[in-house]
Amino acid sequence: MQQADIHKVRASVYQQCGRKVLIQLDRGRNKVDIQEGVIQNAYPSVFTILVNDEQEENPPQLLSFSYSDIITRDIRMKLC
């Protein structure tokens, strides 16, 4: 993993702050969660996504991910 790759991912996520995304989380052992949320903030090492599960009566969750999670494909994001 090169530092230039992390800079590209960080810049891309920073540009998408406030936009709705669909995230696919790889939980291991063929378990995948798909959730919809909004990118809240982009920090130097991590970024946060606010996930609001409308189908269930759960409160909104603020999830944080590192930029290396995108590079290693632990999570995948697609703009909605």
PDB file of N, CA and C in Angstrom:
ATOM      1  N   MET A   1       0.850  -1.166   0.000  1.00  0.00           N
ATOM      2  CA  MET A   1       0.000   0.000   0.000  1.00  0.00           C
ATOM      3  C   MET A   1       0.897   1.232   0.000  1.00  0.00           C
ATOM      4  N   GLN A   2       0.684   2.096  -0.961  1.00  0.00           N
ATOM      5  CA  GLN A   2       1.522   3.271  -1.087  1.00  0.00           C
ATOM      6  C   GLN A   2       0.832   4.491  -0.503  1.00  0.00           C
ATOM      7  N   GLN A   3       1.624   5.434  -0.071  1.00  0.00           N
ATOM      8  CA  GLN A   3       1.102   6.653   0.531  1.00  0.00           C
ATOM      9  C   GLN A   3       0.284   7.454  -0.480  1.00  0.00           C
ATOM     10  N   ALA A   4       0.661   7.401  -1.750  1.00  0.00           N
ATOM     11  CA  ALA A   4      -0.074   8.131  -2.788  1.00  0.00           C
ATOM     12  C   ALA A   4      -1.496   7.601  -2.924  1.00  0.00           C
ATOM     13  N   ASP A   5      -1.677   6.287  -2.763  1.00  0.00           N
ATOM     14  CA  ASP A   5      -3.012   5.701  -2.843  1.00  0.00           C
ATOM     15  C   ASP A   5      -3.901   6.227  -1.722  1.00  0.00           C
ATOM     16  N   ILE A   6      -3.352   6.318  -0.522  1.00  0.00           N
ATOM     17  CA  ILE A   6      -4.133   6.810   0.618  1.00  0.00           C
ATOM     18  C   ILE A   6      -4.501   8.283   0.403  1.00  0.00           C
ATOM     19  N   HIS A   7      -3.596   9.061  -0.165  1.00  0.00           N
ATOM     20  CA  HIS A   7      -3.892  10.472  -0.433  1.00  0.00           C
ATOM     21  C   HIS A   7      -5.024  10.608  -1.444  1.00  0.00           C
ATOM     22  N   LYS A   8      -5.041   9.761  -2.467  1.00  0.00           N
ATOM     23  CA  LYS A   8      -6.112   9.800  -3.466  1.00  0.00           C
ATOM     24  C   LYS A   8      -7.454   9.442  -2.842  1.00  0.00           C
ATOM     25  N   VAL A   9      -7.478   8.393  -2.036  1.00  0.00           N
ATOM     26  CA  VAL A   9      -8.720   7.971  -1.387  1.00  0.00           C
ATOM     27  C   VAL A   9      -9.200   9.053  -0.426  1.00  0.00           C
ATOM     28  N   ARG A  10      -8.289   9.622   0.353  1.00  0.00           N
ATOM     29  CA  ARG A  10      -8.643  10.679   1.308  1.00  0.00           C
ATOM     30  C   ARG A  10      -9.249  11.882   0.576  1.00  0.00           C
ATOM     31  N   ALA A  11      -8.653  12.290  -0.525  1.00  0.00           N
ATOM     32  CA  ALA A  11      -9.167  13.429  -1.292  1.00  0.00           C
ATOM     33  C   ALA A  11     -10.540  13.126  -1.871  1.00  0.00           C
ATOM     34  N   SER A  12     -10.733  11.911  -2.340  1.00  0.00           N
ATOM     35  CA  SER A  12     -12.014  11.518  -2.913  1.00  0.00           C
ATOM     36  C   SER A  12     -13.118  11.510  -1.852  1.00  0.00           C
ATOM     37  N   VAL A  13     -12.830  10.951  -0.693  1.00  0.00           N
ATOM     38  CA  VAL A  13     -13.823  10.912   0.390  1.00  0.00           C
ATOM     39  C   VAL A  13     -14.126  12.327   0.869  1.00  0.00           C
ATOM     40  N   TYR A  14     -13.106  13.167   0.980  1.00  0.00           N
ATOM     41  CA  TYR A  14     -13.303  14.540   1.430  1.00  0.00           C
ATOM     42  C   TYR A  14     -14.235  15.309   0.483  1.00  0.00           C
ATOM     43  N   GLN A  15     -14.110  15.069  -0.808  1.00  0.00           N
ATOM     44  CA  GLN A  15     -14.972  15.736  -1.792  1.00  0.00           C
ATOM     45  C   GLN A  15     -16.414  15.271  -1.685  1.00  0.00           C
ATOM     46  N   GLN A  16     -16.638  14.065  -1.177  1.00  0.00           N
ATOM     47  CA  GLN A  16     -17.983  13.503  -1.116  1.00  0.00           C
ATOM     48  C   GLN A  16     -18.675  13.739   0.224  1.00  0.00           C
ATOM     49  N   CYS A  17     -18.093  14.525   1.115  1.00  0.00           N
ATOM     50  CA  CYS A  17     -18.703  14.795   2.424  1.00  0.00           C
ATOM     51  C   CYS A  17     -20.104  15.374   2.241  1.00  0.00           C
ATOM     52  N   GLY A  18     -21.054  14.847   3.015  1.00  0.00           N
ATOM     53  CA  GLY A  18     -22.434  15.301   2.944  1.00  0.00           C
ATOM     54  C   GLY A  18     -23.280  14.558   1.924  1.00  0.00           C
ATOM     55  N   ARG A  19     -22.680  13.680   1.154  1.00  0.00           N
ATOM     56  CA  ARG A  19     -23.421  12.940   0.132  1.00  0.00           C
ATOM     57  C   ARG A  19     -23.823  11.570   0.639  1.00  0.00           C
ATOM     58  N   LYS A  20     -24.897  11.064   0.089  1.00  0.00           N
ATOM     59  CA  LYS A  20     -25.418   9.754   0.476  1.00  0.00           C
ATOM     60  C   LYS A  20     -24.650   8.654  -0.255  1.00  0.00           C
ATOM     61  N   VAL A  21     -24.275   7.610   0.486  1.00  0.00           N
ATOM     62  CA  VAL A  21     -23.527   6.494  -0.085  1.00  0.00           C
ATOM     63  C   VAL A  21     -24.140   5.170   0.356  1.00  0.00           C
ATOM     64  N   LEU A  22     -23.888   4.163  -0.426  1.00  0.00           N
ATOM     65  CA  LEU A  22     -24.251   2.796  -0.099  1.00  0.00           C
ATOM     66  C   LEU A  22     -22.942   2.087   0.236  1.00  0.00           C
ATOM     67  N   ILE A  23     -22.860   1.533   1.453  1.00  0.00           N
ATOM     68  CA  ILE A  23     -21.621   0.875   1.863  1.00  0.00           C
ATOM     69  C   ILE A  23     -21.859  -0.618   2.017  1.00  0.00           C
ATOM     70  N   GLN A  24     -20.876  -1.366   1.587  1.00  0.00           N
ATOM     71  CA  GLN A  24     -20.895  -2.820   1.701  1.00  0.00           C
ATOM     72  C   GLN A  24     -19.752  -3.198   2.625  1.00  0.00           C
ATOM     73  N   LEU A  25     -20.085  -3.741   3.795  1.00  0.00           N
ATOM     74  CA  LEU A  25     -19.093  -4.082   4.810  1.00  0.00           C
ATOM     75  C   LEU A  25     -18.801  -5.572   4.753  1.00  0.00           C
ATOM     76  N   ASP A  26     -17.546  -5.922   4.621  1.00  0.00           N
ATOM     77  CA  ASP A  26     -17.125  -7.317   4.632  1.00  0.00           C
ATOM     78  C   ASP A  26     -16.843  -7.708   6.079  1.00  0.00           C
ATOM     79  N   ARG A  27     -17.705  -8.559   6.650  1.00  0.00           N
ATOM     80  CA  ARG A  27     -17.587  -8.963   8.050  1.00  0.00           C
ATOM     81  C   ARG A  27     -16.810 -10.266   8.224  1.00  0.00           C
ATOM     82  N   GLY A  28     -16.327 -10.851   7.145  1.00  0.00           N
ATOM     83  CA  GLY A  28     -15.570 -12.097   7.228  1.00  0.00           C
ATOM     84  C   GLY A  28     -16.476 -13.309   7.141  1.00  0.00           C
ATOM     85  N   ARG A  29     -15.897 -14.431   6.777  1.00  0.00           N
ATOM     86  CA  ARG A  29     -16.627 -15.697   6.648  1.00  0.00           C
ATOM     87  C   ARG A  29     -17.897 -15.558   5.812  1.00  0.00           C
ATOM     88  N   ASN A  30     -17.753 -14.897   4.674  1.00  0.00           N
ATOM     89  CA  ASN A  30     -18.835 -14.707   3.708  1.00  0.00           C
ATOM     90  C   ASN A  30     -20.024 -13.945   4.280  1.00  0.00           C
ATOM     91  N   LYS A  31     -19.801 -13.109   5.273  1.00  0.00           N
ATOM     92  CA  LYS A  31     -20.856 -12.266   5.835  1.00  0.00           C
ATOM     93  C   LYS A  31     -20.659 -10.853   5.311  1.00  0.00           C
ATOM     94  N   VAL A  32     -21.710 -10.302   4.716  1.00  0.00           N
ATOM     95  CA  VAL A  32     -21.649  -8.967   4.133  1.00  0.00           C
ATOM     96  C   VAL A  32     -22.863  -8.174   4.611  1.00  0.00           C
ATOM     97  N   ASP A  33     -22.638  -6.965   5.105  1.00  0.00           N
ATOM     98  CA  ASP A  33     -23.709  -6.046   5.477  1.00  0.00           C
ATOM     99  C   ASP A  33     -23.750  -4.929   4.454  1.00  0.00           C
ATOM    100  N   ILE A  34     -24.950  -4.582   4.020  1.00  0.00           N
ATOM    101  CA  ILE A  34     -25.128  -3.467   3.092  1.00  0.00           C
ATOM    102  C   ILE A  34     -25.995  -2.435   3.793  1.00  0.00           C
ATOM    103  N   GLN A  35     -25.473  -1.213   3.903  1.00  0.00           N
ATOM    104  CA  GLN A  35     -26.181  -0.143   4.593  1.00  0.00           C
ATOM    105  C   GLN A  35     -26.064   1.144   3.793  1.00  0.00           C
ATOM    106  N   GLU A  36     -27.019   2.037   4.037  1.00  0.00           N
ATOM    107  CA  GLU A  36     -27.020   3.331   3.372  1.00  0.00           C
ATOM    108  C   GLU A  36     -26.772   4.402   4.421  1.00  0.00           C
ATOM    109  N   GLY A  37     -25.943   5.373   4.090  1.00  0.00           N
ATOM    110  CA  GLY A  37     -25.633   6.431   5.039  1.00  0.00           C
ATOM    111  C   GLY A  37     -25.122   7.672   4.353  1.00  0.00           C
ATOM    112  N   VAL A  38     -24.728   8.637   5.170  1.00  0.00           N
ATOM    113  CA  VAL A  38     -24.224   9.916   4.683  1.00  0.00           C
ATOM    114  C   VAL A  38     -22.826  10.120   5.248  1.00  0.00           C
ATOM    115  N   ILE A  39     -21.886  10.490   4.387  1.00  0.00           N
ATOM    116  CA  ILE A  39     -20.528  10.769   4.843  1.00  0.00           C
ATOM    117  C   ILE A  39     -20.571  12.063   5.652  1.00  0.00           C
ATOM    118  N   GLN A  40     -20.216  11.986   6.920  1.00  0.00           N
ATOM    119  CA  GLN A  40     -20.289  13.138   7.816  1.00  0.00           C
ATOM    120  C   GLN A  40     -19.016  13.985   7.770  1.00  0.00           C
ATOM    121  N   ASN A  41     -17.884  13.377   8.088  1.00  0.00           N
ATOM    122  CA  ASN A  41     -16.623  14.109   8.173  1.00  0.00           C
ATOM    123  C   ASN A  41     -15.487  13.262   7.631  1.00  0.00           C
ATOM    124  N   ALA A  42     -14.445  13.952   7.182  1.00  0.00           N
ATOM    125  CA  ALA A  42     -13.215  13.285   6.747  1.00  0.00           C
ATOM    126  C   ALA A  42     -12.075  13.875   7.562  1.00  0.00           C
ATOM    127  N   TYR A  43     -11.442  13.051   8.343  1.00  0.00           N
ATOM    128  CA  TYR A  43     -10.326  13.448   9.188  1.00  0.00           C
ATOM    129  C   TYR A  43      -9.038  12.923   8.562  1.00  0.00           C
ATOM    130  N   PRO A  44      -7.867  13.302   9.095  1.00  0.00           N
ATOM    131  CA  PRO A  44      -6.607  12.842   8.489  1.00  0.00           C
ATOM    132  C   PRO A  44      -6.438  11.321   8.441  1.00  0.00           C
ATOM    133  N   SER A  45      -6.941  10.606   9.439  1.00  0.00           N
ATOM    134  CA  SER A  45      -6.741   9.151   9.470  1.00  0.00           C
ATOM    135  C   SER A  45      -8.005   8.346   9.226  1.00  0.00           C
ATOM    136  N   VAL A  46      -9.172   8.920   9.501  1.00  0.00           N
ATOM    137  CA  VAL A  46     -10.436   8.208   9.384  1.00  0.00           C
ATOM    138  C   VAL A  46     -11.503   9.105   8.776  1.00  0.00           C
ATOM    139  N   PHE A  47     -12.626   8.492   8.392  1.00  0.00           N
ATOM    140  CA  PHE A  47     -13.803   9.240   7.980  1.00  0.00           C
ATOM    141  C   PHE A  47     -15.014   8.597   8.638  1.00  0.00           C
ATOM    142  N   THR A  48     -16.092   9.375   8.796  1.00  0.00           N
ATOM    143  CA  THR A  48     -17.274   8.884   9.494  1.00  0.00           C
ATOM    144  C   THR A  48     -18.475   8.893   8.570  1.00  0.00           C
ATOM    145  N   ILE A  49     -19.336   7.900   8.784  1.00  0.00           N
ATOM    146  CA  ILE A  49     -20.578   7.763   8.023  1.00  0.00           C
ATOM    147  C   ILE A  49     -21.718   7.594   9.016  1.00  0.00           C
ATOM    148  N   LEU A  50     -22.769   8.401   8.868  1.00  0.00           N
ATOM    149  CA  LEU A  50     -23.952   8.311   9.708  1.00  0.00           C
ATOM    150  C   LEU A  50     -24.940   7.391   9.017  1.00  0.00           C
ATOM    151  N   VAL A  51     -25.220   6.250   9.658  1.00  0.00           N
ATOM    152  CA  VAL A  51     -26.119   5.242   9.093  1.00  0.00           C
ATOM    153  C   VAL A  51     -27.435   5.317   9.841  1.00  0.00           C
ATOM    154  N   ASN A  52     -28.513   5.545   9.109  1.00  0.00           N
ATOM    155  CA  ASN A  52     -29.851   5.603   9.693  1.00  0.00           C
ATOM    156  C   ASN A  52     -30.645   4.429   9.155  1.00  0.00           C
ATOM    157  N   ASP A  53     -30.929   3.459  10.016  1.00  0.00           N
ATOM    158  CA  ASP A  53     -31.660   2.254   9.620  1.00  0.00           C
ATOM    159  C   ASP A  53     -33.151   2.539   9.722  1.00  0.00           C
ATOM    160  N   GLU A  54     -33.771   2.888   8.597  1.00  0.00           N
ATOM    161  CA  GLU A  54     -35.180   3.284   8.592  1.00  0.00           C
ATOM    162  C   GLU A  54     -36.120   2.101   8.784  1.00  0.00           C
ATOM    163  N   GLN A  55     -35.694   0.890   8.447  1.00  0.00           N
ATOM    164  CA  GLN A  55     -36.573  -0.270   8.543  1.00  0.00           C
ATOM    165  C   GLN A  55     -36.780  -0.700   9.990  1.00  0.00           C
ATOM    166  N   GLU A  56     -35.773  -0.510  10.821  1.00  0.00           N
ATOM    167  CA  GLU A  56     -35.870  -0.887  12.216  1.00  0.00           C
ATOM    168  C   GLU A  56     -35.929   0.370  13.066  1.00  0.00           C
ATOM    169  N   GLU A  57     -36.314   0.214  14.305  1.00  0.00           N
ATOM    170  CA  GLU A  57     -36.435   1.373  15.187  1.00  0.00           C
ATOM    171  C   GLU A  57     -35.149   1.604  15.972  1.00  0.00           C
ATOM    172  N   ASN A  58     -34.024   1.428  15.341  1.00  0.00           N
ATOM    173  CA  ASN A  58     -32.732   1.678  15.968  1.00  0.00           C
ATOM    174  C   ASN A  58     -32.350   3.138  15.786  1.00  0.00           C
ATOM    175  N   PRO A  59     -31.639   3.714  16.758  1.00  0.00           N
ATOM    176  CA  PRO A  59     -31.158   5.090  16.566  1.00  0.00           C
ATOM    177  C   PRO A  59     -30.056   5.126  15.509  1.00  0.00           C
ATOM    178  N   PRO A  60     -29.829   6.278  14.908  1.00  0.00           N
ATOM    179  CA  PRO A  60     -28.741   6.382  13.910  1.00  0.00           C
ATOM    180  C   PRO A  60     -27.400   6.034  14.530  1.00  0.00           C
ATOM    181  N   GLN A  61     -26.540   5.402  13.737  1.00  0.00           N
ATOM    182  CA  GLN A  61     -25.203   5.016  14.197  1.00  0.00           C
ATOM    183  C   GLN A  61     -24.163   5.802  13.422  1.00  0.00           C
ATOM    184  N   LEU A  62     -23.123   6.212  14.122  1.00  0.00           N
ATOM    185  CA  LEU A  62     -21.995   6.881  13.486  1.00  0.00           C
ATOM    186  C   LEU A  62     -20.861   5.876  13.391  1.00  0.00           C
ATOM    187  N   LEU A  63     -20.541   5.459  12.168  1.00  0.00           N
ATOM    188  CA  LEU A  63     -19.491   4.475  11.938  1.00  0.00           C
ATOM    189  C   LEU A  63     -18.237   5.180  11.455  1.00  0.00           C
ATOM    190  N   SER A  64     -17.087   4.701  11.885  1.00  0.00           N
ATOM    191  CA  SER A  64     -15.832   5.284  11.412  1.00  0.00           C
ATOM    192  C   SER A  64     -15.003   4.216  10.721  1.00  0.00           C
ATOM    193  N   PHE A  65     -14.312   4.640   9.670  1.00  0.00           N
ATOM    194  CA  PHE A  65     -13.490   3.745   8.871  1.00  0.00           C
ATOM    195  C   PHE A  65     -12.175   4.434   8.554  1.00  0.00           C
ATOM    196  N   SER A  66     -11.145   3.638   8.353  1.00  0.00           N
ATOM    197  CA  SER A  66      -9.874   4.207   7.914  1.00  0.00           C
ATOM    198  C   SER A  66      -9.835   4.157   6.381  1.00  0.00           C
ATOM    199  N   TYR A  67      -8.985   4.959   5.810  1.00  0.00           N
ATOM    200  CA  TYR A  67      -8.865   4.995   4.352  1.00  0.00           C
ATOM    201  C   TYR A  67      -8.274   3.692   3.822  1.00  0.00           C
ATOM    202  N   SER A  68      -7.491   3.016   4.634  1.00  0.00           N
ATOM    203  CA  SER A  68      -6.933   1.731   4.208  1.00  0.00           C
ATOM    204  C   SER A  68      -8.014   0.666   4.094  1.00  0.00           C
ATOM    205  N   ASP A  69      -9.163   0.833   4.788  1.00  0.00           N
ATOM    206  CA  ASP A  69     -10.280  -0.107   4.640  1.00  0.00           C
ATOM    207  C   ASP A  69     -10.797  -0.115   3.205  1.00  0.00           C
ATOM    208  N   ILE A  70     -10.770   1.030   2.547  1.00  0.00           N
ATOM    209  CA  ILE A  70     -11.217   1.110   1.155  1.00  0.00           C
ATOM    210  C   ILE A  70     -10.188   0.453   0.242  1.00  0.00           C
ATOM    211  N   ILE A  71      -8.910   0.718   0.498  1.00  0.00           N
ATOM    212  CA  ILE A  71      -7.856   0.165  -0.347  1.00  0.00           C
ATOM    213  C   ILE A  71      -7.809  -1.358  -0.241  1.00  0.00           C
ATOM    214  N   THR A  72      -7.990  -1.886   0.970  1.00  0.00           N
ATOM    215  CA  THR A  72      -7.959  -3.341   1.172  1.00  0.00           C
ATOM    216  C   THR A  72      -9.301  -4.004   0.885  1.00  0.00           C
ATOM    217  N   ARG A  73     -10.290  -3.197   0.511  1.00  0.00           N
ATOM    218  CA  ARG A  73     -11.630  -3.670   0.161  1.00  0.00           C
ATOM    219  C   ARG A  73     -12.369  -4.321   1.330  1.00  0.00           C
ATOM    220  N   ASP A  74     -12.085  -3.880   2.550  1.00  0.00           N
ATOM    221  CA  ASP A  74     -12.889  -4.296   3.696  1.00  0.00           C
ATOM    222  C   ASP A  74     -14.257  -3.636   3.630  1.00  0.00           C
ATOM    223  N   ILE A  75     -14.308  -2.445   3.045  1.00  0.00           N
ATOM    224  CA  ILE A  75     -15.587  -1.802   2.750  1.00  0.00           C
ATOM    225  C   ILE A  75     -15.552  -1.333   1.301  1.00  0.00           C
ATOM    226  N   ARG A  76     -16.727  -1.265   0.715  1.00  0.00           N
ATOM    227  CA  ARG A  76     -16.878  -0.729  -0.640  1.00  0.00           C
ATOM    228  C   ARG A  76     -17.983   0.312  -0.586  1.00  0.00           C
ATOM    229  N   MET A  77     -17.757   1.429  -1.247  1.00  0.00           N
ATOM    230  CA  MET A  77     -18.734   2.515  -1.234  1.00  0.00           C
ATOM    231  C   MET A  77     -19.166   2.854  -2.652  1.00  0.00           C
ATOM    232  N   LYS A  78     -20.453   3.191  -2.754  1.00  0.00           N
ATOM    233  CA  LYS A  78     -21.001   3.630  -4.029  1.00  0.00           C
ATOM    234  C   LYS A  78     -21.934   4.808  -3.761  1.00  0.00           C
ATOM    235  N   LEU A  79     -21.807   5.868  -4.531  1.00  0.00           N
ATOM    236  CA  LEU A  79     -22.677   7.022  -4.358  1.00  0.00           C
ATOM    237  C   LEU A  79     -24.099   6.671  -4.755  1.00  0.00           C
ATOM    238  N   CYS A  80     -25.067   7.197  -4.015  1.00  0.00           N
ATOM    239  CA  CYS A  80     -26.488   6.966  -4.317  1.00  0.00           C
ATOM    240  C   CYS A  80     -27.032   8.102  -5.157  1.00  0.00           C
TER     241      CYS A  80
END
